[in-house]
Amino acid sequence: MTLRHIRIFLAVCSHDYNITRAAESLYMTQPAVSLAIRELEDYYRVRLFERISRKLYITEAGKQLEEYASHLVSMFDDMERELRDWDSAGVLRVGASITIGSQFMPEYVRTYQSVCPAVEVKVQIGPTGFLERELLANRLDFALVEGVVHSPHLVCEEYMEDSLVAICAPGKPFQQGETVEIERFRKQRLLLRESGSGTREEFDSAARLAGFSVEPSWESTSTSALVNAAIHGLGIAVLPGRMVSDQLGNGQVVSFEIRGMDLRRRFMIVYHKNKFLSSSARTFIELCRKSAASEMAVNDSCNR
């Protein structure tokens, strides 16, 4: 078994398990690709693909090999770049969930590029569940997320604390700073982010810990849509405080406390446990940590 076998196997996987298209992408003959797959199966003594009606379907063993193989090839390619082109430009693939992507990532990238101008930073912003899948497929080097990460193959390191806030139009039904009992809160029309988003998972987790679950009146991928619905008195939105600071500041909405419900949450740095983090990636991560520490220090000073 060689790295060549692994690359051929991954090419078949990336071309929807089509031997012909994989062969074309590799500038190889179809029989040569088929032979490499058979040699892999013989070597590991497992079936990687089921062959049904002249079409390939990946097996569970094949899926496991695909995960390991993608990271093995990535580590090899990282090594090649680091050692062959030590001082040349590289590419850093960073993911960010919605709040982090909109509130923090522009400043992170701006600061990073002032330190490492030769490195191109490619950013992918999306829900935490989407970023988790991208990390597992090795399409991201690491990600900054605000939600719960489920895969045991991913490493999560806390780097910043944040909180969600419950908001509504003034007096509809609550006032600024009011403390509301859970039973009263759960009877309201709730305007929440979509299932799978970090914000929604954090809220659902807090609700479970408080002993209840909810069926929202509105679900949306758009924070703006939920804020506007709250402004118009259509219900209560639960969103990251940083995303609604302008509306709170100008009095369009008010925030209130829910007795017995903890809406604090943590931002995480996430990467695959088998991922080799290059010096470029480690520099970016350290910059994020320093930025978070600086912001916490400022907040502590303002709260004294």
Protein backbone atom coordinates (compact mmCIF):
# COMPACT_ATOMS: atom_id res chain seq x y z
CA MET A 1 0.00 0.00 0.00
CA THR A 2 1.45 3.36 -1.06
CA LEU A 3 0.44 7.02 -1.05
CA ARG A 4 -0.39 6.54 -4.73
CA HIS A 5 -3.03 3.96 -3.80
CA ILE A 6 -4.50 6.37 -1.26
CA ARG A 7 -4.69 9.24 -3.76
CA ILE A 8 -6.41 6.99 -6.32
CA PHE A 9 -8.92 5.81 -3.70
CA LEU A 10 -9.71 9.42 -2.71
CA ALA A 11 -10.12 10.38 -6.37
CA VAL A 12 -12.75 7.67 -6.77
CA CYS A 13 -14.53 8.93 -3.64
CA SER A 14 -14.47 12.54 -4.78
CA HIS A 15 -15.93 11.63 -8.19
CA ASP A 16 -19.06 10.00 -6.77
CA TYR A 17 -17.43 6.54 -6.83
CA ASN A 18 -17.10 6.66 -10.61
CA ILE A 19 -14.00 4.84 -11.84
CA THR A 20 -14.08 6.43 -15.28
CA ARG A 21 -14.23 10.03 -14.04
CA ALA A 22 -11.58 9.33 -11.39
CA ALA A 23 -9.28 7.88 -14.05
CA GLU A 24 -9.77 10.93 -16.27
CA SER A 25 -8.95 13.30 -13.41
CA LEU A 26 -5.75 11.37 -12.67
CA TYR A 27 -4.79 10.96 -16.35
CA MET A 28 -4.80 7.19 -15.83
CA THR A 29 -6.54 4.32 -17.56
CA GLN A 30 -9.68 2.87 -16.03
CA PRO A 31 -8.11 -0.60 -15.55
CA ALA A 32 -5.18 0.96 -13.67
CA VAL A 33 -7.54 2.69 -11.24
CA SER A 34 -9.57 -0.50 -10.76
CA LEU A 35 -6.36 -2.45 -10.10
CA ALA A 36 -5.25 0.04 -7.45
CA ILE A 37 -8.61 -0.30 -5.66
CA ARG A 38 -8.38 -4.11 -5.75
CA GLU A 39 -4.83 -3.95 -4.37
CA LEU A 40 -6.05 -1.78 -1.49
CA GLU A 41 -8.87 -4.23 -0.76
CA ASP A 42 -6.46 -7.17 -0.87
CA TYR A 43 -4.00 -5.38 1.39
CA TYR A 44 -6.56 -4.56 4.09
CA ARG A 45 -8.66 -7.69 3.45
CA VAL A 46 -11.87 -5.68 3.37
CA ARG A 47 -14.36 -4.68 0.72
CA LEU A 48 -14.15 -0.91 0.16
CA PHE A 49 -16.92 -0.72 -2.45
CA GLU A 50 -19.95 -2.81 -3.25
CA ARG A 51 -20.41 -3.33 -6.99
CA ILE A 52 -24.13 -3.37 -7.84
CA SER A 53 -25.44 -3.03 -11.42
CA ARG A 54 -22.06 -1.72 -12.60
CA LYS A 55 -22.13 1.06 -10.01
CA LEU A 56 -19.92 1.42 -6.91
CA TYR A 57 -21.32 2.02 -3.43
CA ILE A 58 -18.87 2.73 -0.62
CA THR A 59 -18.93 0.36 2.37
CA GLU A 60 -18.53 1.25 6.04
CA ALA A 61 -14.90 0.13 5.84
CA GLY A 62 -14.49 2.37 2.82
CA LYS A 63 -15.95 5.34 4.70
CA GLN A 64 -13.49 4.79 7.54
CA LEU A 65 -10.58 4.56 5.12
CA GLU A 66 -11.77 7.74 3.37
CA GLU A 67 -11.65 9.68 6.65
CA TYR A 68 -8.17 8.46 7.55
CA ALA A 69 -6.91 8.81 3.98
CA SER A 70 -8.04 12.42 3.58
CA HIS A 71 -6.11 13.44 6.67
CA LEU A 72 -3.08 11.35 5.78
CA VAL A 73 -2.84 13.02 2.37
CA SER A 74 -3.46 16.42 3.93
CA MET A 75 -0.62 15.91 6.43
CA PHE A 76 1.71 14.81 3.65
CA ASP A 77 0.80 17.82 1.52
CA ASP A 78 1.26 20.14 4.51
CA MET A 79 4.70 18.65 5.09
CA GLU A 80 5.61 19.16 1.44
CA ARG A 81 4.53 22.81 1.53
CA GLU A 82 6.22 23.55 4.84
CA LEU A 83 9.55 22.01 3.88
CA ARG A 84 9.75 22.71 0.15
CA ASP A 85 8.41 26.26 0.25
CA TRP A 86 9.38 27.34 3.74
CA ASP A 87 9.28 31.07 3.06
CA SER A 88 6.68 31.21 0.31
CA ALA A 89 2.99 32.01 0.45
CA GLY A 90 0.47 29.43 1.63
CA VAL A 91 -3.28 29.07 2.06
CA LEU A 92 -5.10 28.88 5.36
CA ARG A 93 -8.68 27.50 5.34
CA VAL A 94 -10.66 28.82 8.30
CA GLY A 95 -14.29 28.22 9.20
CA ALA A 96 -16.47 30.41 11.41
CA SER A 97 -20.02 30.12 12.71
CA ILE A 98 -22.40 33.01 12.03
CA THR A 99 -21.79 35.20 15.10
CA ILE A 100 -18.02 34.78 15.05
CA GLY A 101 -17.88 35.21 11.29
CA SER A 102 -19.81 38.47 11.31
CA GLN A 103 -18.52 40.00 14.54
CA PHE A 104 -14.91 38.85 14.89
CA MET A 105 -13.52 37.21 11.77
CA PRO A 106 -12.92 40.42 9.75
CA GLU A 107 -10.72 41.79 12.52
CA TYR A 108 -8.95 38.45 13.01
CA VAL A 109 -8.09 38.24 9.32
CA ARG A 110 -7.05 41.90 9.09
CA THR A 111 -4.69 41.55 12.06
CA TYR A 112 -3.35 38.20 10.83
CA GLN A 113 -2.56 39.53 7.38
CA SER A 114 -0.63 42.41 8.89
CA VAL A 115 1.60 39.78 10.51
CA CYS A 116 1.60 37.16 7.74
CA PRO A 117 0.90 39.06 4.49
CA ALA A 118 2.09 36.19 2.26
CA VAL A 119 -0.57 33.75 3.52
CA GLU A 120 -3.95 33.73 1.79
CA VAL A 121 -6.81 33.25 4.26
CA LYS A 122 -9.90 31.56 2.85
CA VAL A 123 -12.91 31.87 5.15
CA GLN A 124 -16.04 29.71 5.17
CA ILE A 125 -18.93 31.03 7.30
CA GLY A 126 -21.89 28.80 8.13
CA PRO A 127 -23.80 26.91 10.83
CA THR A 128 -21.79 24.83 13.28
CA GLY A 129 -23.12 21.54 11.88
CA PHE A 130 -21.96 22.48 8.38
CA LEU A 131 -18.49 23.45 9.66
CA GLU A 132 -18.23 20.16 11.52
CA ARG A 133 -18.82 18.25 8.28
CA GLU A 134 -16.25 20.39 6.47
CA LEU A 135 -13.66 19.65 9.16
CA LEU A 136 -14.33 15.92 9.00
CA ALA A 137 -13.93 16.04 5.21
CA ASN A 138 -10.67 17.99 5.61
CA ARG A 139 -11.96 20.97 3.64
CA LEU A 140 -11.07 23.28 6.56
CA ASP A 141 -7.90 23.48 8.63
CA PHE A 142 -9.80 24.58 11.74
CA ALA A 143 -12.94 26.46 12.69
CA LEU A 144 -14.17 28.91 15.30
CA VAL A 145 -17.64 27.89 16.45
CA GLU A 146 -20.26 28.88 19.01
CA GLY A 147 -22.28 25.67 19.04
CA VAL A 148 -22.02 22.12 20.30
CA VAL A 149 -19.64 19.86 18.37
CA HIS A 150 -20.73 16.23 18.23
CA SER A 151 -18.00 14.23 16.48
CA PRO A 152 -15.48 12.40 18.71
CA HIS A 153 -12.92 12.91 15.93
CA LEU A 154 -12.79 16.68 16.56
CA VAL A 155 -10.79 18.50 19.23
CA CYS A 156 -12.51 21.49 20.89
CA GLU A 157 -10.63 24.17 22.81
CA GLU A 158 -12.44 27.04 24.52
CA TYR A 159 -11.13 30.49 23.70
CA MET A 160 -13.87 33.02 24.57
CA GLU A 161 -17.06 33.33 26.63
CA ASP A 162 -20.22 34.93 25.28
CA SER A 163 -23.94 34.91 26.09
CA LEU A 164 -27.32 34.77 24.44
CA VAL A 165 -30.01 37.34 25.30
CA ALA A 166 -33.78 37.15 25.21
CA ILE A 167 -35.30 40.22 23.54
CA CYS A 168 -38.75 41.56 22.71
CA ALA A 169 -40.40 44.86 21.78
CA PRO A 170 -40.72 47.17 24.84
CA GLY A 171 -43.63 45.93 26.95
CA LYS A 172 -44.53 43.15 24.49
CA PRO A 173 -44.69 41.40 26.84
CA PHE A 174 -41.69 42.28 29.05
CA GLN A 175 -39.76 45.40 30.11
CA GLN A 176 -36.03 46.08 30.08
CA GLY A 177 -34.22 44.27 32.89
CA GLU A 178 -37.31 42.39 34.08
CA THR A 179 -36.81 38.92 35.59
CA VAL A 180 -39.29 36.40 34.22
CA GLU A 181 -40.22 32.99 35.60
CA ILE A 182 -39.60 30.04 33.27
CA GLU A 183 -43.26 29.02 33.19
CA ARG A 184 -44.25 32.45 31.94
CA PHE A 185 -41.40 32.58 29.43
CA ARG A 186 -42.12 29.20 27.84
CA LYS A 187 -45.72 30.21 27.07
CA GLN A 188 -44.56 33.03 24.78
CA ARG A 189 -44.16 32.94 21.00
CA LEU A 190 -40.47 32.17 20.45
CA LEU A 191 -38.44 33.32 17.44
CA LEU A 192 -35.36 31.11 17.13
CA ARG A 193 -32.51 30.26 14.79
CA GLU A 194 -32.83 27.09 12.72
CA SER A 195 -32.05 23.64 14.11
CA GLY A 196 -28.38 22.81 13.67
CA SER A 197 -27.13 26.35 14.20
CA GLY A 198 -24.83 26.98 17.15
CA THR A 199 -27.19 29.56 18.65
CA ARG A 200 -30.16 27.16 18.50
CA GLU A 201 -28.22 24.26 19.98
CA GLU A 202 -27.00 26.44 22.86
CA PHE A 203 -30.55 27.62 23.58
CA ASP A 204 -32.01 24.11 23.37
CA SER A 205 -29.30 22.85 25.71
CA ALA A 206 -30.03 25.63 28.22
CA ALA A 207 -33.75 24.85 27.99
CA ARG A 208 -33.17 21.14 28.65
CA LEU A 209 -31.06 21.96 31.69
CA ALA A 210 -33.88 24.18 32.93
CA GLY A 211 -36.33 21.30 32.49
CA PHE A 212 -38.33 22.20 29.39
CA SER A 213 -38.36 22.13 25.61
CA VAL A 214 -39.91 24.52 23.08
CA GLU A 215 -41.64 24.54 19.71
CA PRO A 216 -40.74 27.91 18.14
CA SER A 217 -43.27 30.03 16.27
CA TRP A 218 -40.54 31.21 13.90
CA GLU A 219 -37.35 29.53 12.73
CA SER A 220 -34.87 31.32 10.50
CA THR A 221 -31.29 31.25 9.28
CA SER A 222 -31.43 35.06 9.32
CA THR A 223 -30.74 36.90 12.56
CA SER A 224 -32.12 40.08 11.00
CA ALA A 225 -35.46 38.41 10.26
CA LEU A 226 -35.82 37.33 13.89
CA VAL A 227 -34.81 40.74 15.24
CA ASN A 228 -37.30 42.50 12.97
CA ALA A 229 -40.05 40.11 14.04
CA ALA A 230 -39.27 40.91 17.69
CA ILE A 231 -39.26 44.66 16.95
CA HIS A 232 -42.77 44.30 15.50
CA GLY A 233 -44.01 42.59 18.64
CA LEU A 234 -44.39 39.14 17.08
CA GLY A 235 -42.62 37.29 19.86
CA ILE A 236 -39.40 36.79 21.80
CA ALA A 237 -36.09 36.18 20.04
CA VAL A 238 -33.11 34.55 21.73
CA LEU A 239 -29.92 35.62 19.98
CA PRO A 240 -26.26 36.46 20.63
CA GLY A 241 -26.04 39.72 22.57
CA ARG A 242 -23.42 41.08 20.19
CA MET A 243 -25.81 40.70 17.25
CA VAL A 244 -28.55 42.87 18.81
CA SER A 245 -26.49 45.55 20.57
CA ASP A 246 -27.60 48.30 18.15
CA GLN A 247 -31.29 47.52 18.57
CA LEU A 248 -30.91 47.37 22.35
CA GLY A 249 -29.01 50.64 22.33
CA ASN A 250 -31.65 52.57 20.40
CA GLY A 251 -34.55 51.08 22.36
CA GLN A 252 -36.14 49.12 19.52
CA VAL A 253 -36.01 46.02 21.72
CA VAL A 254 -35.43 45.29 25.40
CA SER A 255 -33.66 42.38 27.07
CA PHE A 256 -34.79 40.52 30.16
CA GLU A 257 -33.61 37.73 32.46
CA ILE A 258 -35.15 34.27 32.72
CA ARG A 259 -34.95 32.97 36.27
CA GLY A 260 -33.15 29.64 36.47
CA MET A 261 -31.92 29.66 32.87
CA ASP A 262 -28.22 30.08 32.08
CA LEU A 263 -27.65 31.54 28.60
CA ARG A 264 -23.90 31.85 28.84
CA ARG A 265 -21.93 29.99 26.19
CA ARG A 266 -18.39 29.43 25.00
CA PHE A 267 -16.68 29.97 21.67
CA MET A 268 -14.50 27.06 20.62
CA ILE A 269 -11.51 26.45 18.35
CA VAL A 270 -12.16 23.12 16.61
CA TYR A 271 -9.93 20.93 14.45
CA HIS A 272 -9.59 17.26 13.54
CA LYS A 273 -7.65 15.22 16.07
CA ASN A 274 -5.44 13.88 13.26
CA LYS A 275 -4.88 17.31 11.70
CA PHE A 276 -1.37 18.68 11.57
CA LEU A 277 -1.67 22.37 12.41
CA SER A 278 0.88 24.30 10.40
CA SER A 279 2.78 27.24 11.82
CA SER A 280 0.39 29.52 9.89
CA ALA A 281 -2.63 27.90 11.58
CA ARG A 282 -1.03 28.06 15.03
CA THR A 283 -0.23 31.75 14.55
CA PHE A 284 -3.85 32.52 13.59
CA ILE A 285 -5.20 30.56 16.58
CA GLU A 286 -2.86 32.34 18.98
CA LEU A 287 -3.98 35.68 17.56
CA CYS A 288 -7.62 34.71 18.27
CA ARG A 289 -6.75 33.79 21.85
CA LYS A 290 -4.93 37.08 22.43
CA SER A 291 -7.80 39.06 20.94
CA ALA A 292 -10.28 37.26 23.22
CA ALA A 293 -8.11 37.85 26.29
CA SER A 294 -7.80 41.54 25.41
CA GLU A 295 -11.56 41.92 25.00
CA MET A 296 -12.24 40.17 28.30
CA ALA A 297 -9.80 42.52 30.04
CA VAL A 298 -11.59 45.55 28.58
CA ASN A 299 -14.99 44.19 29.61
CA ASP A 300 -13.77 43.50 33.15
CA SER A 301 -12.43 47.06 33.39
CA CYS A 302 -15.73 48.53 32.17
CA ASN A 303 -17.74 46.45 34.64
CA ARG A 304 -15.80 47.59 37.71
